Amino acid sequence: MTANTSPVLEIRNACRVHGERELAVQALADATIAIQPGEFVAVMGPSGSGKSTLLHLAGGLDVPTAGQVLVEGTDLATLSIAQRAVIRRRSAGYVFQDFNLLPALTAAENVAFPLELDGWSKKKARQAALASLDDTGVAELADRRPEDMSGGQAQRVAIARALVGPRRLLLADEPTGALDSTNGTAVLRLLREKADNGAAVLMVTHEARYAAWTDRTLFLRDGRIIDQSGPSDASELLSQGTA
C-alpha cells in the first residue's frame, strides 16, 4: 500500500436513511472510512447490515442523507446524476451482484461500452475490452451475449468491465458469488493485482477466506462499522460473532 497519498475514496460520517417519519429506516449510520491507492479493503457483516448501501454510496449510485462521500477529492453529493455517471466511467469500476450486463450486447461490447461512452474510439475500446476479458480468463466469450453464458461466465465478464480502463477505484459486491472455488480465487488474484498496481479496491464478501486477500476488513452490523481488522484476524472475529 502506498503511504502519504490522498485517499482515492473517503467517506466522512455518512448516514443513509430510507423513507420518512415513522417509515424511516436507517441503512447506514455515521460511516467513516478512507481507502488509499494500493489498498484492498473487504466489507463483511450479516444480511441487512448496510454493506450494499455503503458500496452504493461509494459508487455514486446513491447519495448520503448526511455526511460526505469523496472520490479522488470530489464530493459526489455536489454532482448531478449524469456527472456521477461520468465518475463511474472514469474513476470507479463497479461489479454488481446481479452482473448488470446489457443483454443485447456481446461480452466485448459490454466491456467496451463505458469506454465508448467516455469518448474512446470503437477500435481502441474493443482492444482494451479484449485484454480485460483475457485477464479474467474469458477471452473466448468475446462475441457471446449474456443469455449464452453461465452465471459464472457472466460474473467474470462483469468483472472485466469493472477492471477495464484507467479507473483507480474498484467496487465489488460479492464478486465471487457465482463462481466455484478455483475461479473465485482467480478473481481475487485479479483484484489483489489491481490494488498492487495502485488502485483502491472495496469488496463486499461473506467469506473470510476471500477477506484474507485484503489489507483490512470492515465489519458492519445494523448500519454501523463496529470493528476492523487485518486479514489474519477476520476468521477469528467471525467465529466470535462480531460480524
C-alpha atoms as a PDB file:
ATOM      1  CA  MET A   1       0.000   0.000   0.000  1.00  0.00           C
ATOM      2  CA  THR A   2       1.282   3.449  -0.938  1.00  0.00           C
ATOM      3  CA  ALA A   3       1.851   5.783   2.025  1.00  0.00           C
ATOM      4  CA  ASN A   4       1.482   9.555   2.321  1.00  0.00           C
ATOM      5  CA  THR A   5      -1.025   9.983  -0.518  1.00  0.00           C
ATOM      6  CA  SER A   6      -4.561  11.306  -0.681  1.00  0.00           C
ATOM      7  CA  PRO A   7      -7.334   8.709  -0.371  1.00  0.00           C
ATOM      8  CA  VAL A   8      -8.982   7.558  -3.594  1.00  0.00           C
ATOM      9  CA  LEU A   9     -12.187   7.045  -1.604  1.00  0.00           C
ATOM     10  CA  GLU A  10     -13.113   8.940   1.548  1.00  0.00           C
ATOM     11  CA  ILE A  11     -16.404   8.532   3.386  1.00  0.00           C
ATOM     12  CA  ARG A  12     -16.969  11.010   6.206  1.00  0.00           C
ATOM     13  CA  ASN A  13     -19.687  10.428   8.809  1.00  0.00           C
ATOM     14  CA  ALA A  14     -22.053   9.167   6.112  1.00  0.00           C
ATOM     15  CA  CYS A  15     -25.635   8.279   7.007  1.00  0.00           C
ATOM     16  CA  ARG A  16     -28.337   6.920   4.716  1.00  0.00           C
ATOM     17  CA  VAL A  17     -31.990   6.905   5.749  1.00  0.00           C
ATOM     18  CA  HIS A  18     -34.687   5.455   3.505  1.00  0.00           C
ATOM     19  CA  GLY A  19     -38.278   6.673   3.932  1.00  0.00           C
ATOM     20  CA  GLU A  20     -39.637   9.379   6.195  1.00  0.00           C
ATOM     21  CA  ARG A  21     -41.088   9.803   9.670  1.00  0.00           C
ATOM     22  CA  GLU A  22     -42.451   6.544  11.099  1.00  0.00           C
ATOM     23  CA  LEU A  23     -41.432   4.667   7.940  1.00  0.00           C
ATOM     24  CA  ALA A  24     -37.798   5.825   8.113  1.00  0.00           C
ATOM     25  CA  VAL A  25     -35.177   3.076   8.083  1.00  0.00           C
ATOM     26  CA  GLN A  26     -31.534   3.858   8.796  1.00  0.00           C
ATOM     27  CA  ALA A  27     -29.469   1.775   6.380  1.00  0.00           C
ATOM     28  CA  LEU A  28     -26.122   3.322   7.307  1.00  0.00           C
ATOM     29  CA  ALA A  29     -25.076   5.374  10.320  1.00  0.00           C
ATOM     30  CA  ASP A  30     -22.018   7.581  10.799  1.00  0.00           C
ATOM     31  CA  ALA A  31     -19.726   5.574   8.494  1.00  0.00           C
ATOM     32  CA  THR A  32     -16.195   6.918   8.162  1.00  0.00           C
ATOM     33  CA  ILE A  33     -13.505   5.224   6.072  1.00  0.00           C
ATOM     34  CA  ALA A  34     -10.612   6.210   3.824  1.00  0.00           C
ATOM     35  CA  ILE A  35      -9.037   3.946   1.211  1.00  0.00           C
ATOM     36  CA  GLN A  36      -5.631   4.823  -0.150  1.00  0.00           C
ATOM     37  CA  PRO A  37      -4.163   3.989  -3.565  1.00  0.00           C
ATOM     38  CA  GLY A  38      -2.930   0.403  -3.477  1.00  0.00           C
ATOM     39  CA  GLU A  39      -5.238  -0.638  -0.634  1.00  0.00           C
ATOM     40  CA  PHE A  40      -7.642  -3.597  -0.813  1.00  0.00           C
ATOM     41  CA  VAL A  41     -10.441  -3.466   1.782  1.00  0.00           C
ATOM     42  CA  ALA A  42     -13.151  -6.050   2.461  1.00  0.00           C
ATOM     43  CA  VAL A  43     -16.572  -5.340   3.964  1.00  0.00           C
ATOM     44  CA  MET A  44     -18.320  -8.093   5.924  1.00  0.00           C
ATOM     45  CA  GLY A  45     -21.458  -8.368   8.005  1.00  0.00           C
ATOM     46  CA  PRO A  46     -24.840 -10.122   8.187  1.00  0.00           C
ATOM     47  CA  SER A  47     -27.622  -9.575   5.674  1.00  0.00           C
ATOM     48  CA  GLY A  48     -29.141  -6.112   6.082  1.00  0.00           C
ATOM     49  CA  SER A  49     -26.106  -4.686   7.879  1.00  0.00           C
ATOM     50  CA  GLY A  50     -25.540  -1.929   5.310  1.00  0.00           C
ATOM     51  CA  LYS A  51     -22.838  -3.469   3.109  1.00  0.00           C
ATOM     52  CA  SER A  52     -24.522  -2.799  -0.242  1.00  0.00           C
ATOM     53  CA  THR A  53     -25.644   0.659   0.918  1.00  0.00           C
ATOM     54  CA  LEU A  54     -22.019   1.524   1.676  1.00  0.00           C
ATOM     55  CA  LEU A  55     -20.969   0.355  -1.777  1.00  0.00           C
ATOM     56  CA  HIS A  56     -23.803   2.254  -3.497  1.00  0.00           C
ATOM     57  CA  LEU A  57     -22.710   5.470  -1.783  1.00  0.00           C
ATOM     58  CA  ALA A  58     -19.073   4.864  -2.705  1.00  0.00           C
ATOM     59  CA  GLY A  59     -20.022   4.431  -6.360  1.00  0.00           C
ATOM     60  CA  GLY A  60     -22.395   7.376  -6.560  1.00  0.00           C
ATOM     61  CA  LEU A  61     -25.415   5.143  -7.182  1.00  0.00           C
ATOM     62  CA  ASP A  62     -26.962   6.828  -4.149  1.00  0.00           C
ATOM     63  CA  VAL A  63     -26.119   9.885  -2.046  1.00  0.00           C
ATOM     64  CA  PRO A  64     -25.909  10.101   1.742  1.00  0.00           C
ATOM     65  CA  THR A  65     -28.683  11.639   3.820  1.00  0.00           C
ATOM     66  CA  ALA A  66     -25.884  13.260   5.833  1.00  0.00           C
ATOM     67  CA  GLY A  67     -22.101  13.271   5.639  1.00  0.00           C
ATOM     68  CA  GLN A  68     -19.842  13.163   2.595  1.00  0.00           C
ATOM     69  CA  VAL A  69     -18.530  10.701   0.016  1.00  0.00           C
ATOM     70  CA  LEU A  70     -15.476  11.830  -1.933  1.00  0.00           C
ATOM     71  CA  VAL A  71     -13.904  10.033  -4.900  1.00  0.00           C
ATOM     72  CA  GLU A  72     -10.477  11.430  -5.758  1.00  0.00           C
ATOM     73  CA  GLY A  73     -11.403  14.545  -3.789  1.00  0.00           C
ATOM     74  CA  THR A  74     -14.770  15.163  -5.472  1.00  0.00           C
ATOM     75  CA  ASP A  75     -17.838  15.284  -3.212  1.00  0.00           C
ATOM     76  CA  LEU A  76     -20.357  13.085  -5.045  1.00  0.00           C
ATOM     77  CA  ALA A  77     -23.358  14.800  -3.431  1.00  0.00           C
ATOM     78  CA  THR A  78     -22.473  18.019  -5.266  1.00  0.00           C
ATOM     79  CA  LEU A  79     -22.778  16.296  -8.657  1.00  0.00           C
ATOM     80  CA  SER A  80     -25.794  15.637 -10.852  1.00  0.00           C
ATOM     81  CA  ILE A  81     -26.825  12.079 -11.727  1.00  0.00           C
ATOM     82  CA  ALA A  82     -25.129  12.490 -15.116  1.00  0.00           C
ATOM     83  CA  GLN A  83     -21.926  13.784 -13.508  1.00  0.00           C
ATOM     84  CA  ARG A  84     -21.874  10.844 -11.088  1.00  0.00           C
ATOM     85  CA  ALA A  85     -22.204   8.520 -14.098  1.00  0.00           C
ATOM     86  CA  VAL A  86     -19.073  10.134 -15.538  1.00  0.00           C
ATOM     87  CA  ILE A  87     -17.243   9.395 -12.263  1.00  0.00           C
ATOM     88  CA  ARG A  88     -18.210   5.722 -12.609  1.00  0.00           C
ATOM     89  CA  ARG A  89     -16.954   5.600 -16.194  1.00  0.00           C
ATOM     90  CA  ARG A  90     -13.642   7.304 -15.438  1.00  0.00           C
ATOM     91  CA  SER A  91     -12.805   6.682 -11.799  1.00  0.00           C
ATOM     92  CA  ALA A  92     -14.933   3.940 -10.220  1.00  0.00           C
ATOM     93  CA  GLY A  93     -15.499   0.491 -11.717  1.00  0.00           C
ATOM     94  CA  TYR A  94     -18.453  -1.348 -10.182  1.00  0.00           C
ATOM     95  CA  VAL A  95     -19.124  -5.100 -10.071  1.00  0.00           C
ATOM     96  CA  PHE A  96     -22.853  -5.547  -9.429  1.00  0.00           C
ATOM     97  CA  GLN A  97     -24.214  -8.540  -7.538  1.00  0.00           C
ATOM     98  CA  ASP A  98     -26.629  -9.250 -10.422  1.00  0.00           C
ATOM     99  CA  PHE A  99     -23.934  -8.605 -13.097  1.00  0.00           C
ATOM    100  CA  ASN A 100     -25.987  -5.831 -14.828  1.00  0.00           C
ATOM    101  CA  LEU A 101     -24.781  -6.787 -18.309  1.00  0.00           C
ATOM    102  CA  LEU A 102     -26.689  -5.359 -21.281  1.00  0.00           C
ATOM    103  CA  PRO A 103     -28.457  -8.351 -22.892  1.00  0.00           C
ATOM    104  CA  ALA A 104     -28.320  -7.046 -26.487  1.00  0.00           C
ATOM    105  CA  LEU A 105     -24.519  -6.627 -26.411  1.00  0.00           C
ATOM    106  CA  THR A 106     -21.770  -9.212 -26.654  1.00  0.00           C
ATOM    107  CA  ALA A 107     -19.253  -9.645 -23.852  1.00  0.00           C
ATOM    108  CA  ALA A 108     -16.692  -7.482 -25.654  1.00  0.00           C
ATOM    109  CA  GLU A 109     -19.309  -4.814 -26.381  1.00  0.00           C
ATOM    110  CA  ASN A 110     -20.430  -4.802 -22.725  1.00  0.00           C
ATOM    111  CA  VAL A 111     -16.858  -4.322 -21.533  1.00  0.00           C
ATOM    112  CA  ALA A 112     -16.087  -1.674 -24.147  1.00  0.00           C
ATOM    113  CA  PHE A 113     -19.339   0.251 -23.615  1.00  0.00           C
ATOM    114  CA  PRO A 114     -18.235   2.537 -20.725  1.00  0.00           C
ATOM    115  CA  LEU A 115     -15.054   3.422 -22.613  1.00  0.00           C
ATOM    116  CA  GLU A 116     -17.014   4.328 -25.746  1.00  0.00           C
ATOM    117  CA  LEU A 117     -19.380   6.467 -23.673  1.00  0.00           C
ATOM    118  CA  ASP A 118     -16.307   8.290 -22.425  1.00  0.00           C
ATOM    119  CA  GLY A 119     -15.146   9.093 -25.948  1.00  0.00           C
ATOM    120  CA  TRP A 120     -12.813   6.212 -26.779  1.00  0.00           C
ATOM    121  CA  SER A 121     -12.804   5.056 -30.411  1.00  0.00           C
ATOM    122  CA  LYS A 122     -14.529   1.727 -31.096  1.00  0.00           C
ATOM    123  CA  LYS A 123     -11.229   0.144 -32.095  1.00  0.00           C
ATOM    124  CA  LYS A 124      -9.332   1.283 -29.007  1.00  0.00           C
ATOM    125  CA  ALA A 125     -12.236   0.394 -26.699  1.00  0.00           C
ATOM    126  CA  ARG A 126     -12.539  -3.104 -28.193  1.00  0.00           C
ATOM    127  CA  GLN A 127      -8.800  -3.714 -27.832  1.00  0.00           C
ATOM    128  CA  ALA A 128      -8.984  -2.739 -24.158  1.00  0.00           C
ATOM    129  CA  ALA A 129     -12.107  -4.895 -23.704  1.00  0.00           C
ATOM    130  CA  LEU A 130     -10.471  -7.961 -25.240  1.00  0.00           C
ATOM    131  CA  ALA A 131      -7.422  -7.508 -22.999  1.00  0.00           C
ATOM    132  CA  SER A 132      -9.639  -7.242 -19.912  1.00  0.00           C
ATOM    133  CA  LEU A 133     -11.637 -10.342 -20.900  1.00  0.00           C
ATOM    134  CA  ASP A 134      -8.362 -12.195 -21.343  1.00  0.00           C
ATOM    135  CA  ASP A 135      -7.214 -11.066 -17.882  1.00  0.00           C
ATOM    136  CA  THR A 136     -10.371 -12.560 -16.325  1.00  0.00           C
ATOM    137  CA  GLY A 137      -9.986 -15.814 -18.276  1.00  0.00           C
ATOM    138  CA  VAL A 138     -12.997 -15.459 -20.576  1.00  0.00           C
ATOM    139  CA  ALA A 139     -11.488 -14.204 -23.840  1.00  0.00           C
ATOM    140  CA  GLU A 140     -13.389 -16.921 -25.700  1.00  0.00           C
ATOM    141  CA  LEU A 141     -16.691 -15.261 -24.713  1.00  0.00           C
ATOM    142  CA  ALA A 142     -15.909 -12.006 -26.558  1.00  0.00           C
ATOM    143  CA  ASP A 143     -18.654 -12.449 -29.162  1.00  0.00           C
ATOM    144  CA  ARG A 144     -21.180 -14.215 -26.939  1.00  0.00           C
ATOM    145  CA  ARG A 145     -24.245 -12.499 -25.445  1.00  0.00           C
ATOM    146  CA  PRO A 146     -25.199 -12.795 -21.748  1.00  0.00           C
ATOM    147  CA  GLU A 147     -28.052 -15.230 -22.453  1.00  0.00           C
ATOM    148  CA  ASP A 148     -25.469 -17.689 -23.794  1.00  0.00           C
ATOM    149  CA  MET A 149     -23.271 -17.548 -20.678  1.00  0.00           C
ATOM    150  CA  SER A 150     -23.370 -19.402 -17.394  1.00  0.00           C
ATOM    151  CA  GLY A 151     -23.721 -17.388 -14.200  1.00  0.00           C
ATOM    152  CA  GLY A 152     -20.016 -17.743 -13.507  1.00  0.00           C
ATOM    153  CA  GLN A 153     -19.094 -16.621 -17.002  1.00  0.00           C
ATOM    154  CA  ALA A 154     -21.380 -13.586 -16.776  1.00  0.00           C
ATOM    155  CA  GLN A 155     -19.799 -12.686 -13.432  1.00  0.00           C
ATOM    156  CA  ARG A 156     -16.326 -12.736 -14.927  1.00  0.00           C
ATOM    157  CA  VAL A 157     -17.435 -10.585 -17.874  1.00  0.00           C
ATOM    158  CA  ALA A 158     -18.905  -8.105 -15.349  1.00  0.00           C
ATOM    159  CA  ILE A 159     -15.579  -8.068 -13.528  1.00  0.00           C
ATOM    160  CA  ALA A 160     -13.740  -7.494 -16.825  1.00  0.00           C
ATOM    161  CA  ARG A 161     -15.971  -4.469 -17.439  1.00  0.00           C
ATOM    162  CA  ALA A 162     -15.214  -3.070 -13.987  1.00  0.00           C
ATOM    163  CA  LEU A 163     -11.469  -3.598 -14.452  1.00  0.00           C
ATOM    164  CA  VAL A 164     -11.201  -2.080 -17.937  1.00  0.00           C
ATOM    165  CA  GLY A 165      -9.566   1.306 -18.456  1.00  0.00           C
ATOM    166  CA  PRO A 166      -7.637   3.548 -16.065  1.00  0.00           C
ATOM    167  CA  ARG A 167     -10.049   3.577 -13.098  1.00  0.00           C
ATOM    168  CA  ARG A 168      -8.418   3.988  -9.714  1.00  0.00           C
ATOM    169  CA  LEU A 169     -11.356   2.802  -7.592  1.00  0.00           C
ATOM    170  CA  LEU A 170     -12.879  -0.666  -7.906  1.00  0.00           C
ATOM    171  CA  LEU A 171     -16.090  -1.530  -6.043  1.00  0.00           C
ATOM    172  CA  ALA A 172     -17.166  -5.163  -5.965  1.00  0.00           C
ATOM    173  CA  ASP A 173     -20.403  -6.530  -4.462  1.00  0.00           C
ATOM    174  CA  GLU A 174     -19.870 -10.269  -3.809  1.00  0.00           C
ATOM    175  CA  PRO A 175     -17.700 -10.656  -6.942  1.00  0.00           C
ATOM    176  CA  THR A 176     -17.178 -14.390  -6.337  1.00  0.00           C
ATOM    177  CA  GLY A 177     -20.815 -15.191  -5.594  1.00  0.00           C
ATOM    178  CA  ALA A 178     -21.445 -17.136  -8.828  1.00  0.00           C
ATOM    179  CA  LEU A 179     -18.001 -18.718  -9.046  1.00  0.00           C
ATOM    180  CA  ASP A 180     -16.542 -22.014  -7.875  1.00  0.00           C
ATOM    181  CA  SER A 181     -13.525 -22.034  -5.589  1.00  0.00           C
ATOM    182  CA  THR A 182     -10.930 -22.136  -8.390  1.00  0.00           C
ATOM    183  CA  ASN A 183     -12.470 -19.278 -10.362  1.00  0.00           C
ATOM    184  CA  GLY A 184     -13.176 -17.325  -7.178  1.00  0.00           C
ATOM    185  CA  THR A 185      -9.510 -17.491  -6.246  1.00  0.00           C
ATOM    186  CA  ALA A 186      -8.549 -16.348  -9.753  1.00  0.00           C
ATOM    187  CA  VAL A 187     -10.831 -13.313  -9.417  1.00  0.00           C
ATOM    188  CA  LEU A 188      -9.379 -12.428  -6.014  1.00  0.00           C
ATOM    189  CA  ARG A 189      -5.925 -12.634  -7.532  1.00  0.00           C
ATOM    190  CA  LEU A 190      -7.006 -10.124 -10.186  1.00  0.00           C
ATOM    191  CA  LEU A 191      -8.420  -7.727  -7.588  1.00  0.00           C
ATOM    192  CA  ARG A 192      -5.266  -8.063  -5.491  1.00  0.00           C
ATOM    193  CA  GLU A 193      -3.158  -7.343  -8.564  1.00  0.00           C
ATOM    194  CA  LYS A 194      -5.278  -4.284  -9.364  1.00  0.00           C
ATOM    195  CA  ALA A 195      -4.628  -2.954  -5.847  1.00  0.00           C
ATOM    196  CA  ASP A 196      -0.932  -3.779  -6.032  1.00  0.00           C
ATOM    197  CA  ASN A 197      -0.786  -1.688  -9.211  1.00  0.00           C
ATOM    198  CA  GLY A 198      -2.170   1.350  -7.369  1.00  0.00           C
ATOM    199  CA  ALA A 199      -5.969   1.094  -7.408  1.00  0.00           C
ATOM    200  CA  ALA A 200      -8.159   1.307  -4.316  1.00  0.00           C
ATOM    201  CA  VAL A 201     -10.421  -1.754  -4.034  1.00  0.00           C
ATOM    202  CA  LEU A 202     -13.506  -2.090  -1.809  1.00  0.00           C
ATOM    203  CA  MET A 203     -15.136  -5.527  -1.835  1.00  0.00           C
ATOM    204  CA  VAL A 204     -18.251  -6.850  -0.092  1.00  0.00           C
ATOM    205  CA  THR A 205     -17.889 -10.540   0.736  1.00  0.00           C
ATOM    206  CA  HIS A 206     -19.341 -13.063   3.176  1.00  0.00           C
ATOM    207  CA  GLU A 207     -16.341 -15.413   3.069  1.00  0.00           C
ATOM    208  CA  ALA A 208     -13.402 -14.912   5.421  1.00  0.00           C
ATOM    209  CA  ARG A 209     -11.086 -16.846   3.078  1.00  0.00           C
ATOM    210  CA  TYR A 210     -11.561 -14.122   0.467  1.00  0.00           C
ATOM    211  CA  ALA A 211     -11.227 -11.338   3.029  1.00  0.00           C
ATOM    212  CA  ALA A 212      -7.794 -12.834   3.774  1.00  0.00           C
ATOM    213  CA  TRP A 213      -6.611 -11.477   0.408  1.00  0.00           C
ATOM    214  CA  THR A 214      -7.224  -7.906   1.566  1.00  0.00           C
ATOM    215  CA  ASP A 215      -5.249  -5.436   3.651  1.00  0.00           C
ATOM    216  CA  ARG A 216      -8.041  -4.956   6.192  1.00  0.00           C
ATOM    217  CA  THR A 217     -11.656  -5.903   6.803  1.00  0.00           C
ATOM    218  CA  LEU A 218     -14.512  -3.663   7.953  1.00  0.00           C
ATOM    219  CA  PHE A 219     -17.320  -5.311   9.913  1.00  0.00           C
ATOM    220  CA  LEU A 220     -20.827  -3.843   9.745  1.00  0.00           C
ATOM    221  CA  ARG A 221     -23.835  -4.505  11.954  1.00  0.00           C
ATOM    222  CA  ASP A 222     -27.144  -2.619  11.883  1.00  0.00           C
ATOM    223  CA  GLY A 223     -25.689   0.003   9.556  1.00  0.00           C
ATOM    224  CA  ARG A 224     -22.630   0.767  11.682  1.00  0.00           C
ATOM    225  CA  ILE A 225     -18.958  -0.067  11.268  1.00  0.00           C
ATOM    226  CA  ILE A 226     -18.346  -1.924  14.518  1.00  0.00           C
ATOM    227  CA  ASP A 227     -14.814  -3.188  14.027  1.00  0.00           C
ATOM    228  CA  GLN A 228     -11.976  -3.572  11.557  1.00  0.00           C
ATOM    229  CA  SER A 229      -9.052  -5.924  11.388  1.00  0.00           C
ATOM    230  CA  GLY A 230      -6.126  -7.107   9.330  1.00  0.00           C
ATOM    231  CA  PRO A 231      -6.649 -10.183   7.127  1.00  0.00           C
ATOM    232  CA  SER A 232      -5.319 -12.648   9.686  1.00  0.00           C
ATOM    233  CA  ASP A 233      -7.942 -11.576  12.226  1.00  0.00           C
ATOM    234  CA  ALA A 234     -11.054 -11.897  10.024  1.00  0.00           C
ATOM    235  CA  SER A 235     -11.773 -15.581  10.679  1.00  0.00           C
ATOM    236  CA  GLU A 236     -11.284 -15.183  14.430  1.00  0.00           C
ATOM    237  CA  LEU A 237     -13.630 -12.202  14.669  1.00  0.00           C
ATOM    238  CA  LEU A 238     -16.282 -14.012  12.628  1.00  0.00           C
ATOM    239  CA  SER A 239     -16.060 -17.072  14.862  1.00  0.00           C
ATOM    240  CA  GLN A 240     -16.667 -14.806  17.856  1.00  0.00           C
ATOM    241  CA  GLY A 241     -19.848 -13.473  16.243  1.00  0.00           C
ATOM    242  CA  THR A 242     -18.533  -9.966  15.605  1.00  0.00           C
ATOM    243  CA  ALA A 243     -19.808  -9.979  12.021  1.00  0.00           C
END
